[in-house]
């Protein structure tokens, strides 16, 4: 594994560990959503680096997934990726707190976001 690939994966792991530490705090569910998206994005970018491709300057998990889908053992469900994409852009600023259809994510929503990542990080 390339050194740069390992660095991307370490940053993704840090995001996921952050999610796990704050997962049950109702006040921090938007932060869990954001870091869940970030963990997935950095993992996809690690695969792109490992393939020897240039990392695109995009944040869309759907688009990144399209680049690495052929090398994944188990592809992601596009609905899950779209959900994570939605929370990335709208979880960054308070005016956009209604980041999912039901508003601020609940603890159950946050657990769903991180559950998707746990499935693919094993």
Protein backbone atom coordinates (compact mmCIF):
# COMPACT_ATOMS: atom_id res chain seq x y z
CA UNK A 1 0.00 0.00 0.00
CA UNK A 2 1.25 3.45 -0.90
CA UNK A 3 2.16 5.83 1.92
CA UNK A 4 -0.32 8.41 0.62
CA UNK A 5 -3.08 5.78 0.56
CA UNK A 6 -2.38 4.97 4.21
CA UNK A 7 -2.52 8.68 5.07
CA UNK A 8 -5.95 9.06 3.44
CA UNK A 9 -7.18 5.97 5.30
CA UNK A 10 -5.82 7.25 8.61
CA UNK A 11 -7.71 10.51 8.14
CA UNK A 12 -10.87 8.54 7.31
CA UNK A 13 -10.36 6.42 10.42
CA UNK A 14 -10.03 9.58 12.53
CA UNK A 15 -13.37 10.82 11.19
CA UNK A 16 -15.02 7.50 11.97
CA UNK A 17 -13.53 7.36 15.47
CA UNK A 18 -14.82 10.88 16.06
CA UNK A 19 -18.30 9.69 15.02
CA UNK A 20 -18.13 6.75 17.41
CA UNK A 21 -17.15 8.97 20.35
CA UNK A 22 -20.02 11.42 19.92
CA UNK A 23 -22.64 9.12 18.41
CA UNK A 24 -25.01 9.15 21.38
CA UNK A 25 -24.96 12.92 21.93
CA UNK A 26 -28.20 14.36 20.50
CA UNK A 27 -26.61 17.82 20.31
CA UNK A 28 -23.85 16.57 17.99
CA UNK A 29 -25.79 14.53 15.43
CA UNK A 30 -25.06 17.02 12.62
CA UNK A 31 -21.35 16.65 13.38
CA UNK A 32 -21.67 12.85 13.18
CA UNK A 33 -23.38 13.24 9.80
CA UNK A 34 -20.60 15.49 8.50
CA UNK A 35 -17.78 13.23 9.69
CA UNK A 36 -19.55 10.16 8.28
CA UNK A 37 -19.52 11.77 4.86
CA UNK A 38 -15.91 12.78 5.31
CA UNK A 39 -14.84 9.24 6.27
CA UNK A 40 -16.47 7.85 3.13
CA UNK A 41 -14.99 10.57 0.91
CA UNK A 42 -11.47 10.05 2.24
CA UNK A 43 -11.78 6.28 1.88
CA UNK A 44 -12.81 6.62 -1.76
CA UNK A 45 -9.95 9.04 -2.37
CA UNK A 46 -7.54 6.54 -0.77
CA UNK A 47 -8.64 3.97 -3.34
CA UNK A 48 -8.19 6.49 -6.13
CA UNK A 49 -4.64 7.22 -4.95
CA UNK A 50 -3.89 3.52 -4.70
CA UNK A 51 -5.04 3.05 -8.31
CA UNK A 52 -2.53 5.72 -9.35
CA UNK A 53 -5.18 8.19 -10.47
CA UNK A 54 -5.28 11.91 -9.77
CA UNK A 55 -7.65 12.82 -6.97
CA UNK A 56 -10.53 14.84 -8.36
CA UNK A 57 -11.40 18.03 -6.49
CA UNK A 58 -14.94 16.92 -5.76
CA UNK A 59 -16.84 15.90 -2.65
CA UNK A 60 -19.67 13.94 -4.25
CA UNK A 61 -19.61 10.39 -2.94
CA UNK A 62 -21.68 9.23 -5.88
CA UNK A 63 -19.13 10.57 -8.36
CA UNK A 64 -16.17 9.24 -6.35
CA UNK A 65 -17.87 5.86 -6.04
CA UNK A 66 -18.24 5.72 -9.82
CA UNK A 67 -14.46 6.00 -10.11
CA UNK A 68 -13.67 3.16 -7.67
CA UNK A 69 -16.73 0.93 -8.02
CA UNK A 70 -14.93 -1.61 -10.20
CA UNK A 71 -12.38 -2.40 -7.47
CA UNK A 72 -14.78 -2.63 -4.53
CA UNK A 73 -15.66 -6.06 -3.18
CA UNK A 74 -19.13 -4.78 -2.36
CA UNK A 75 -20.47 -1.62 -4.02
CA UNK A 76 -22.33 1.00 -2.04
CA UNK A 77 -26.03 1.62 -2.44
CA UNK A 78 -26.46 4.92 -4.29
CA UNK A 79 -29.28 5.91 -1.92
CA UNK A 80 -26.89 5.72 1.02
CA UNK A 81 -24.31 7.77 -0.84
CA UNK A 82 -26.89 10.38 -1.81
CA UNK A 83 -27.95 10.68 1.85
CA UNK A 84 -24.36 11.23 2.92
CA UNK A 85 -23.81 13.69 0.07
CA UNK A 86 -26.82 15.67 1.19
CA UNK A 87 -25.54 16.03 4.75
CA UNK A 88 -22.08 17.12 3.66
CA UNK A 89 -23.08 20.41 2.11
CA UNK A 90 -25.86 21.24 4.51
CA UNK A 91 -24.17 20.31 7.79
CA UNK A 92 -21.45 22.92 7.54
CA UNK A 93 -23.39 26.05 8.45
CA UNK A 94 -26.21 26.75 10.90
CA UNK A 95 -28.56 28.27 8.32
CA UNK A 96 -28.75 24.86 6.65
CA UNK A 97 -29.52 22.77 9.72
CA UNK A 98 -32.51 21.16 8.01
CA UNK A 99 -30.10 18.86 6.27
CA UNK A 100 -32.37 15.87 5.92
CA UNK A 101 -36.04 15.75 5.08
CA UNK A 102 -36.99 15.54 8.75
CA UNK A 103 -34.66 18.35 9.86
CA UNK A 104 -31.73 17.93 12.22
CA UNK A 105 -30.57 14.31 12.30
CA UNK A 106 -31.64 12.25 15.28
CA UNK A 107 -29.34 9.87 17.09
CA UNK A 108 -30.96 7.06 15.07
CA UNK A 109 -30.13 8.93 11.84
CA UNK A 110 -26.53 9.41 12.97
CA UNK A 111 -26.23 5.71 13.78
CA UNK A 112 -27.50 4.85 10.29
CA UNK A 113 -24.88 7.10 8.71
CA UNK A 114 -22.07 5.44 10.66
CA UNK A 115 -23.53 1.95 10.17
CA UNK A 116 -23.06 2.33 6.42
CA UNK A 117 -19.39 3.08 6.99
CA UNK A 118 -18.83 0.19 9.40
CA UNK A 119 -20.16 -2.27 6.85
CA UNK A 120 -17.59 -1.14 4.33
CA UNK A 121 -14.64 -0.62 6.66
CA UNK A 122 -14.39 -4.24 7.73
